[in-house]
């Protein structure tokens, strides 16, 4: 997926930390299957060179590689001064090479980034002095260099508070909202989670919207009026996710969560306008990520909920065609056929699915026994 993104924007790339948008656009449907790992969301290529290239383009990649070249040259030049310096050259160069090699298959952790920063500091010091020794540095330069750490030390508590403590408090509030037993307690935790800190706020909005939708579909019986508190939560979730999409239109997770919020409003409030909004949101999601299975099944669930049987069936059939190696794709298509009452096609696809994936037998048997009248809402919720 990274390579396809590189081919589309080879020179300047997609922008720092934008790999997730590349993964949306060029998503490989096999990745949602057990055969290819079962993961659906990616924010890195698990290869530093590809990450740098896809985000900053060829110019950024050349700049990144040049850091290693300059570092090794600095170590080599300083290592010619004495036998002890040669040993330092060998150790530091080996560390640099090890760091580079592990970056070809892994993500950078905080520990590795700290090593990288310290290594670059060593390169900077060696470039100034021309040796591995600190001798020769004047007291004036040492006094001048204290300005940066002093200012950093003064700013450190503020950084910890705004970038660590507040986000952690907001994240904990998500858990408090989900497990709250009283409506007032849930409302307070919900407000804290969605307003306390901008760091990670979009993901918290997605989590809470998903929980609201899950609560409604699992606990509200068919034909039962939705409590005012849950209606308010749905409206709040919609407003907050709309705000997230205004700031980041390419946020696929927020888009999917918003689509299911509007679908839920359409289903339980019998609101035709909400169905239309959900349809547009999922259609835009398919334009952003044509192969992502969740967007396709989200739109299919809206079609099925509205009684558009042929549209829903066609969309789920294309999902199987896109990812024939995915057992989940067969499950969703079979659920679709069960909802629309196409028993002949259900049995044909079921035989094909069991032949390819014998482990699906129990799932298919449950779908076969499902009753459209009694289990229709549960079948629709499967698509969430």
Protein backbone atom coordinates (compact mmCIF):
# COMPACT_ATOMS: atom_id res chain seq x y z
CA UNK A 1 0.00 0.00 0.00
CA UNK A 2 2.88 2.35 0.80
CA UNK A 3 4.47 1.64 -2.57
CA UNK A 4 1.23 2.53 -4.39
CA UNK A 5 1.10 5.79 -2.44
CA UNK A 6 4.72 6.52 -3.35
CA UNK A 7 3.98 5.93 -7.03
CA UNK A 8 1.14 8.45 -6.93
CA UNK A 9 3.13 11.19 -5.11
CA UNK A 10 6.81 10.25 -5.46
CA UNK A 11 8.58 13.60 -4.96
CA UNK A 12 6.84 15.46 -2.12
CA UNK A 13 4.77 12.69 -0.56
CA UNK A 14 1.48 12.84 1.34
CA UNK A 15 2.56 14.90 4.36
CA UNK A 16 3.93 13.96 7.77
CA UNK A 17 1.88 11.38 9.72
CA UNK A 18 -0.51 10.94 6.78
CA UNK A 19 0.21 7.30 6.05
CA UNK A 20 -3.24 6.32 7.31
CA UNK A 21 -4.83 8.16 4.37
CA UNK A 22 -2.62 6.21 1.99
CA UNK A 23 -3.74 2.98 3.64
CA UNK A 24 -7.39 4.01 3.18
CA UNK A 25 -7.03 4.80 -0.50
CA UNK A 26 -4.97 1.74 -1.43
CA UNK A 27 -6.37 -0.69 1.14
CA UNK A 28 -5.73 -4.33 0.29
CA UNK A 29 -8.89 -6.31 1.19
CA UNK A 30 -6.81 -9.38 2.01
CA UNK A 31 -5.61 -7.56 5.13
CA UNK A 32 -9.00 -7.99 6.75
CA UNK A 33 -8.72 -11.78 6.55
CA UNK A 34 -7.00 -14.26 8.85
CA UNK A 35 -4.71 -15.17 5.98
CA UNK A 36 -3.25 -11.66 5.95
CA UNK A 37 -3.34 -10.89 9.66
CA UNK A 38 -6.92 -9.74 10.22
CA UNK A 39 -5.96 -6.09 10.84
CA UNK A 40 -8.00 -3.29 9.20
CA UNK A 41 -6.30 -0.08 10.41
CA UNK A 42 -2.75 1.05 9.66
CA UNK A 43 -0.96 4.29 10.52
CA UNK A 44 2.54 3.15 9.51
CA UNK A 45 4.11 0.88 6.90
CA UNK A 46 6.28 -0.89 9.52
CA UNK A 47 9.28 0.18 7.46
CA UNK A 48 10.92 3.52 8.28
CA UNK A 49 12.25 4.09 4.78
CA UNK A 50 8.81 3.55 3.25
CA UNK A 51 7.19 5.71 5.95
CA UNK A 52 9.58 8.57 5.25
CA UNK A 53 9.25 8.19 1.47
CA UNK A 54 5.46 8.00 1.41
CA UNK A 55 5.06 10.95 3.80
CA UNK A 56 7.85 13.30 2.64
CA UNK A 57 8.58 12.07 -0.87
CA UNK A 58 11.91 11.35 -2.51
CA UNK A 59 13.40 14.62 -1.25
CA UNK A 60 12.54 13.70 2.33
CA UNK A 61 13.95 10.20 1.90
CA UNK A 62 17.24 11.59 0.56
CA UNK A 63 17.43 13.99 3.52
CA UNK A 64 16.78 11.12 5.96
CA UNK A 65 19.46 8.88 4.41
CA UNK A 66 21.91 11.80 4.33
CA UNK A 67 21.71 11.96 8.14
CA UNK A 68 23.20 8.45 8.32
CA UNK A 69 25.87 9.31 5.76
CA UNK A 70 26.90 12.47 7.64
CA UNK A 71 26.88 10.61 10.96
CA UNK A 72 29.12 7.79 9.74
CA UNK A 73 31.47 10.27 8.06
CA UNK A 74 31.69 12.28 11.31
CA UNK A 75 32.41 9.13 13.32
CA UNK A 76 35.02 7.96 10.82
CA UNK A 77 36.82 11.31 10.73
CA UNK A 78 36.90 11.52 14.53
CA UNK A 79 37.95 7.86 14.78
CA UNK A 80 41.26 8.43 13.03
CA UNK A 81 42.69 10.44 15.91
CA UNK A 82 43.66 7.55 18.27
CA UNK A 83 43.15 3.81 18.98
CA UNK A 84 40.57 4.70 21.63
CA UNK A 85 38.75 6.90 19.11
CA UNK A 86 38.70 4.00 16.62
CA UNK A 87 36.93 1.82 19.19
CA UNK A 88 34.36 4.59 19.74
CA UNK A 89 33.92 4.83 15.97
CA UNK A 90 33.21 1.08 15.74
CA UNK A 91 30.72 1.08 18.63
CA UNK A 92 28.76 4.13 17.48
CA UNK A 93 28.70 3.03 13.84
CA UNK A 94 27.46 -0.42 14.84
CA UNK A 95 24.69 1.19 16.88
CA UNK A 96 23.73 3.38 13.93
CA UNK A 97 23.63 0.41 11.55
CA UNK A 98 21.58 -1.67 14.02
CA UNK A 99 19.10 1.18 14.37
CA UNK A 100 18.80 1.49 10.58
CA UNK A 101 18.29 -2.25 10.05
CA UNK A 102 15.62 -2.68 12.72
CA UNK A 103 13.74 0.25 11.20
CA UNK A 104 13.19 -1.81 8.04
CA UNK A 105 10.70 -4.09 9.79
CA UNK A 106 9.53 -2.41 13.01
CA UNK A 107 7.95 0.73 14.40
CA UNK A 108 9.99 3.25 16.34
CA UNK A 109 9.40 3.03 20.08
CA UNK A 110 10.13 5.77 22.61
CA UNK A 111 13.32 3.97 23.63
CA UNK A 112 14.58 3.75 20.07
CA UNK A 113 13.73 7.39 19.40
CA UNK A 114 15.69 8.36 22.52
CA UNK A 115 18.66 6.40 21.18
CA UNK A 116 18.28 8.23 17.85
CA UNK A 117 18.22 11.65 19.55
CA UNK A 118 21.29 10.86 21.66
CA UNK A 119 23.11 9.56 18.60
CA UNK A 120 22.36 12.77 16.70
CA UNK A 121 23.58 14.76 19.71
CA UNK A 122 26.84 12.82 19.54
CA UNK A 123 27.10 13.58 15.82
CA UNK A 124 26.56 17.27 16.50
CA UNK A 125 29.20 17.38 19.23
CA UNK A 126 31.72 15.45 17.13
CA UNK A 127 31.08 17.70 14.11
CA UNK A 128 31.94 20.76 16.22
CA UNK A 129 35.07 19.42 17.91
CA UNK A 130 36.33 16.98 15.26
CA UNK A 131 36.96 14.33 17.94
CA UNK A 132 35.25 12.08 20.48
CA UNK A 133 36.75 14.16 23.29
CA UNK A 134 34.98 17.13 24.90
CA UNK A 135 38.34 18.83 25.55
CA UNK A 136 38.74 22.21 23.99
CA UNK A 137 35.19 23.41 24.59
CA UNK A 138 35.27 26.89 26.06
CA UNK A 139 33.32 27.84 29.19
CA UNK A 140 31.52 30.49 27.13
CA UNK A 141 30.05 27.87 24.82
CA UNK A 142 29.03 25.75 27.82
CA UNK A 143 27.30 28.72 29.44
CA UNK A 144 25.49 29.52 26.21
CA UNK A 145 24.30 25.95 25.83
CA UNK A 146 22.55 26.08 29.22
CA UNK A 147 19.85 28.39 27.87
CA UNK A 148 18.06 25.64 25.96
CA UNK A 149 17.91 23.08 28.80
CA UNK A 150 16.86 25.80 31.24
CA UNK A 151 13.96 26.91 29.07
CA UNK A 152 13.05 23.28 28.35
CA UNK A 153 13.04 22.50 32.08
CA UNK A 154 10.68 25.41 32.75
CA UNK A 155 8.32 24.30 29.98
CA UNK A 156 8.47 20.61 30.89
CA UNK A 157 5.74 20.69 33.62
CA UNK A 158 3.35 22.45 31.25
CA UNK A 159 4.07 19.92 28.51
CA UNK A 160 3.46 17.04 30.93
CA UNK A 161 0.18 18.57 32.09
CA UNK A 162 -1.30 19.42 28.69
CA UNK A 163 0.17 16.56 26.63
CA UNK A 164 0.10 13.70 29.15
CA UNK A 165 -2.05 14.29 32.25
CA UNK A 166 -5.08 15.86 30.56
CA UNK A 167 -5.21 13.31 27.68
CA UNK A 168 -4.96 10.46 30.20
CA UNK A 169 -7.79 11.96 32.27
CA UNK A 170 -9.91 12.29 29.12
CA UNK A 171 -9.17 8.70 28.10
CA UNK A 172 -10.11 7.44 31.56
CA UNK A 173 -13.36 9.39 31.28
CA UNK A 174 -14.24 7.27 28.22
CA UNK A 175 -14.09 4.17 30.40
CA UNK A 176 -16.11 5.90 33.13
CA UNK A 177 -18.79 6.83 30.60
CA UNK A 178 -19.00 3.30 29.19
CA UNK A 179 -19.30 1.64 32.61
CA UNK A 180 -21.40 4.35 34.29
CA UNK A 181 -24.52 3.10 36.08
CA UNK A 182 -26.27 6.47 36.43
CA UNK A 183 -27.29 8.76 33.51
CA UNK A 184 -25.85 11.84 35.26
CA UNK A 185 -22.53 10.09 35.86
CA UNK A 186 -22.38 9.00 32.23
CA UNK A 187 -23.20 12.51 31.01
CA UNK A 188 -20.42 14.08 33.12
CA UNK A 189 -17.84 11.52 31.98
CA UNK A 190 -18.99 11.89 28.36
CA UNK A 191 -18.51 15.67 28.55
CA UNK A 192 -15.05 15.30 30.12
CA UNK A 193 -13.91 12.81 27.51
CA UNK A 194 -15.01 14.99 24.59
CA UNK A 195 -13.88 18.40 25.86
CA UNK A 196 -10.98 18.13 28.34
CA UNK A 197 -8.09 17.73 25.89
CA UNK A 198 -7.72 18.07 22.11
CA UNK A 199 -5.07 15.32 22.12
CA UNK A 200 -6.80 12.17 20.84
CA UNK A 201 -10.24 13.81 20.92
CA UNK A 202 -11.37 12.41 17.55
CA UNK A 203 -10.69 8.83 18.63
CA UNK A 204 -12.52 9.36 21.91
CA UNK A 205 -15.51 10.69 20.02
CA UNK A 206 -15.49 7.57 17.86
CA UNK A 207 -15.28 5.26 20.90
CA UNK A 208 -18.18 6.97 22.68
CA UNK A 209 -20.35 7.15 19.56
CA UNK A 210 -19.76 3.43 18.97
CA UNK A 211 -20.75 2.71 22.58
CA UNK A 212 -23.95 4.75 22.27
CA UNK A 213 -24.92 2.93 19.08
CA UNK A 214 -24.06 -0.46 20.60
CA UNK A 215 -26.14 0.29 23.70
CA UNK A 216 -29.18 1.23 21.61
CA UNK A 217 -29.04 -1.74 19.23
CA UNK A 218 -28.43 -4.29 21.95
CA UNK A 219 -30.80 -3.01 24.65
CA UNK A 220 -33.73 -1.29 22.93
CA UNK A 221 -36.36 -3.81 21.72
CA UNK A 222 -38.01 -3.45 18.32
CA UNK A 223 -40.88 -0.96 18.39
CA UNK A 224 -39.80 0.58 21.71
CA UNK A 225 -39.53 4.36 21.95
CA UNK A 226 -35.96 5.55 22.40
CA UNK A 227 -35.37 7.20 25.82
CA UNK A 228 -34.72 10.95 25.69
CA UNK A 229 -31.24 10.52 27.17
CA UNK A 230 -30.12 8.20 24.38
CA UNK A 231 -31.65 10.48 21.75
CA UNK A 232 -29.58 13.32 23.20
CA UNK A 233 -26.46 11.14 23.13
CA UNK A 234 -27.06 10.32 19.47
CA UNK A 235 -27.45 14.00 18.64
CA UNK A 236 -24.31 14.89 20.62
CA UNK A 237 -22.35 12.10 18.92
CA UNK A 238 -23.47 13.31 15.50
CA UNK A 239 -22.51 16.94 16.23
CA UNK A 240 -19.08 15.99 17.62
CA UNK A 241 -18.23 13.64 14.76
CA UNK A 242 -19.39 16.24 12.22
CA UNK A 243 -16.92 18.63 13.85
CA UNK A 244 -14.14 16.02 13.59
CA UNK A 245 -14.87 15.56 9.88
CA UNK A 246 -14.91 19.30 9.25
CA UNK A 247 -11.37 19.45 10.64
CA UNK A 248 -10.24 16.21 9.01
CA UNK A 249 -12.49 15.10 6.10
CA UNK A 250 -10.25 12.08 5.50
CA UNK A 251 -10.80 10.61 8.97
CA UNK A 252 -12.34 7.30 7.91
CA UNK A 253 -12.98 6.01 11.42
CA UNK A 254 -14.93 9.13 12.35
CA UNK A 255 -16.83 8.89 9.07
CA UNK A 256 -17.79 5.27 9.69
CA UNK A 257 -18.88 6.03 13.28
CA UNK A 258 -20.97 8.98 12.07
CA UNK A 259 -22.58 6.84 9.38
CA UNK A 260 -23.69 4.28 11.96
CA UNK A 261 -24.97 7.06 14.26
CA UNK A 262 -27.21 8.41 11.49
CA UNK A 263 -28.29 4.91 10.52
CA UNK A 264 -29.27 4.30 14.16
CA UNK A 265 -31.27 7.54 14.22
CA UNK A 266 -32.99 6.52 11.02
CA UNK A 267 -33.86 3.07 12.36
CA UNK A 268 -35.07 3.91 15.87
CA UNK A 269 -36.49 7.38 15.22
CA UNK A 270 -37.89 6.48 11.78
CA UNK A 271 -36.09 9.50 10.37
CA UNK A 272 -35.75 9.45 6.58
CA UNK A 273 -33.35 12.42 6.61
CA UNK A 274 -30.92 10.51 8.86
CA UNK A 275 -30.95 7.60 6.41
CA UNK A 276 -30.06 10.03 3.60
CA UNK A 277 -27.19 11.47 5.65
CA UNK A 278 -25.89 7.99 6.49
CA UNK A 279 -26.01 7.04 2.81
CA UNK A 280 -24.02 10.12 1.75
CA UNK A 281 -21.46 9.62 4.51
CA UNK A 282 -20.80 5.99 3.60
CA UNK A 283 -20.74 6.77 -0.14
CA UNK A 284 -18.05 9.39 0.50
CA UNK A 285 -16.23 6.80 2.62
CA UNK A 286 -16.19 4.40 -0.33
CA UNK A 287 -14.72 7.15 -2.49
CA UNK A 288 -11.98 7.62 0.12
CA UNK A 289 -11.36 3.89 0.53
CA UNK A 290 -12.93 1.84 -2.29
CA UNK A 291 -11.79 -1.51 -0.86
CA UNK A 292 -12.29 -1.05 2.88
CA UNK A 293 -14.86 -3.65 4.03
CA UNK A 294 -16.38 -1.68 6.94
CA UNK A 295 -17.42 1.23 4.71
CA UNK A 296 -19.06 -1.10 2.19
CA UNK A 297 -20.95 -3.11 4.76
CA UNK A 298 -21.99 0.12 6.50
CA UNK A 299 -23.63 1.38 3.32
CA UNK A 300 -25.13 -2.06 2.67
CA UNK A 301 -26.70 -2.04 6.15
CA UNK A 302 -28.37 1.30 5.40
CA UNK A 303 -29.76 -0.08 2.13
CA UNK A 304 -31.04 -3.20 3.86
CA UNK A 305 -32.61 -1.21 6.69
CA UNK A 306 -34.46 0.87 4.12
CA UNK A 307 -35.68 -2.21 2.25
CA UNK A 308 -33.39 -1.64 -0.75
CA UNK A 309 -32.69 -5.34 -1.03
CA UNK A 310 -31.03 -5.42 -4.43
CA UNK A 311 -28.65 -2.54 -3.64
CA UNK A 312 -27.59 -4.13 -0.35
CA UNK A 313 -27.14 -7.57 -1.91
CA UNK A 314 -25.07 -6.20 -4.79
CA UNK A 315 -22.75 -4.29 -2.45
CA UNK A 316 -22.12 -7.32 -0.24
CA UNK A 317 -21.52 -9.53 -3.27
CA UNK A 318 -18.84 -7.14 -4.50
CA UNK A 319 -17.22 -7.37 -1.04
CA UNK A 320 -16.85 -11.14 -1.50
CA UNK A 321 -15.46 -10.58 -4.99
CA UNK A 322 -12.93 -8.07 -3.62
CA UNK A 323 -11.76 -10.35 -0.79
CA UNK A 324 -12.56 -14.00 -1.59
CA UNK A 325 -9.96 -15.07 0.98
CA UNK A 326 -11.90 -13.38 3.82
CA UNK A 327 -14.34 -15.57 5.81
CA UNK A 328 -15.97 -12.42 7.21
CA UNK A 329 -16.95 -11.27 3.70
CA UNK A 330 -18.91 -14.51 3.21
CA UNK A 331 -20.56 -14.13 6.61
CA UNK A 332 -21.83 -10.65 5.81
CA UNK A 333 -23.04 -11.66 2.37
CA UNK A 334 -24.88 -14.65 3.85
CA UNK A 335 -26.46 -12.40 6.50
CA UNK A 336 -27.59 -10.13 3.66
CA UNK A 337 -29.16 -13.03 1.78
CA UNK A 338 -30.90 -14.11 4.98
CA UNK A 339 -32.31 -10.61 5.51
CA UNK A 340 -33.68 -10.32 1.99
CA UNK A 341 -35.06 -13.87 2.05
CA UNK A 342 -33.08 -15.27 -0.91
CA UNK A 343 -32.83 -18.83 0.37
CA UNK A 344 -31.62 -20.47 -2.85
CA UNK A 345 -28.68 -18.07 -3.19
CA UNK A 346 -28.02 -18.43 0.54
CA UNK A 347 -27.58 -22.21 0.23
CA UNK A 348 -25.39 -21.88 -2.86
CA UNK A 349 -23.06 -19.32 -1.24
CA UNK A 350 -23.09 -21.27 2.05
CA UNK A 351 -21.84 -24.41 0.29
CA UNK A 352 -19.09 -22.41 -1.40
CA UNK A 353 -18.10 -20.73 1.88
CA UNK A 354 -17.93 -24.01 3.84
CA UNK A 355 -15.85 -25.56 1.09
CA UNK A 356 -13.34 -22.70 1.31
CA UNK A 357 -13.58 -22.16 5.08
CA UNK A 358 -14.86 -25.20 7.01
CA UNK A 359 -14.67 -23.21 10.27
CA UNK A 360 -17.67 -21.15 9.08
CA UNK A 361 -20.06 -24.09 9.50
CA UNK A 362 -21.34 -23.05 12.95
CA UNK A 363 -21.80 -19.39 11.91
CA UNK A 364 -23.69 -20.41 8.80
CA UNK A 365 -25.92 -22.75 10.78
CA UNK A 366 -26.84 -19.90 13.13
CA UNK A 367 -27.68 -17.69 10.15
CA UNK A 368 -29.73 -20.49 8.62
CA UNK A 369 -31.84 -20.74 11.80
CA UNK A 370 -32.32 -16.95 12.11
CA UNK A 371 -35.85 -15.64 11.70
CA UNK A 372 -36.23 -12.36 9.81
CA UNK A 373 -39.06 -11.16 12.02
CA UNK A 374 -37.60 -12.05 15.41
CA UNK A 375 -33.91 -11.63 14.58
CA UNK A 376 -34.01 -8.89 11.94
CA UNK A 377 -32.61 -6.20 14.24
CA UNK A 378 -29.83 -8.50 15.45
CA UNK A 379 -28.95 -9.37 11.84
CA UNK A 380 -28.78 -5.68 10.94
CA UNK A 381 -26.57 -4.98 13.95
CA UNK A 382 -24.06 -7.56 12.67
CA UNK A 383 -23.03 -5.01 10.03
CA UNK A 384 -21.81 -2.62 12.76
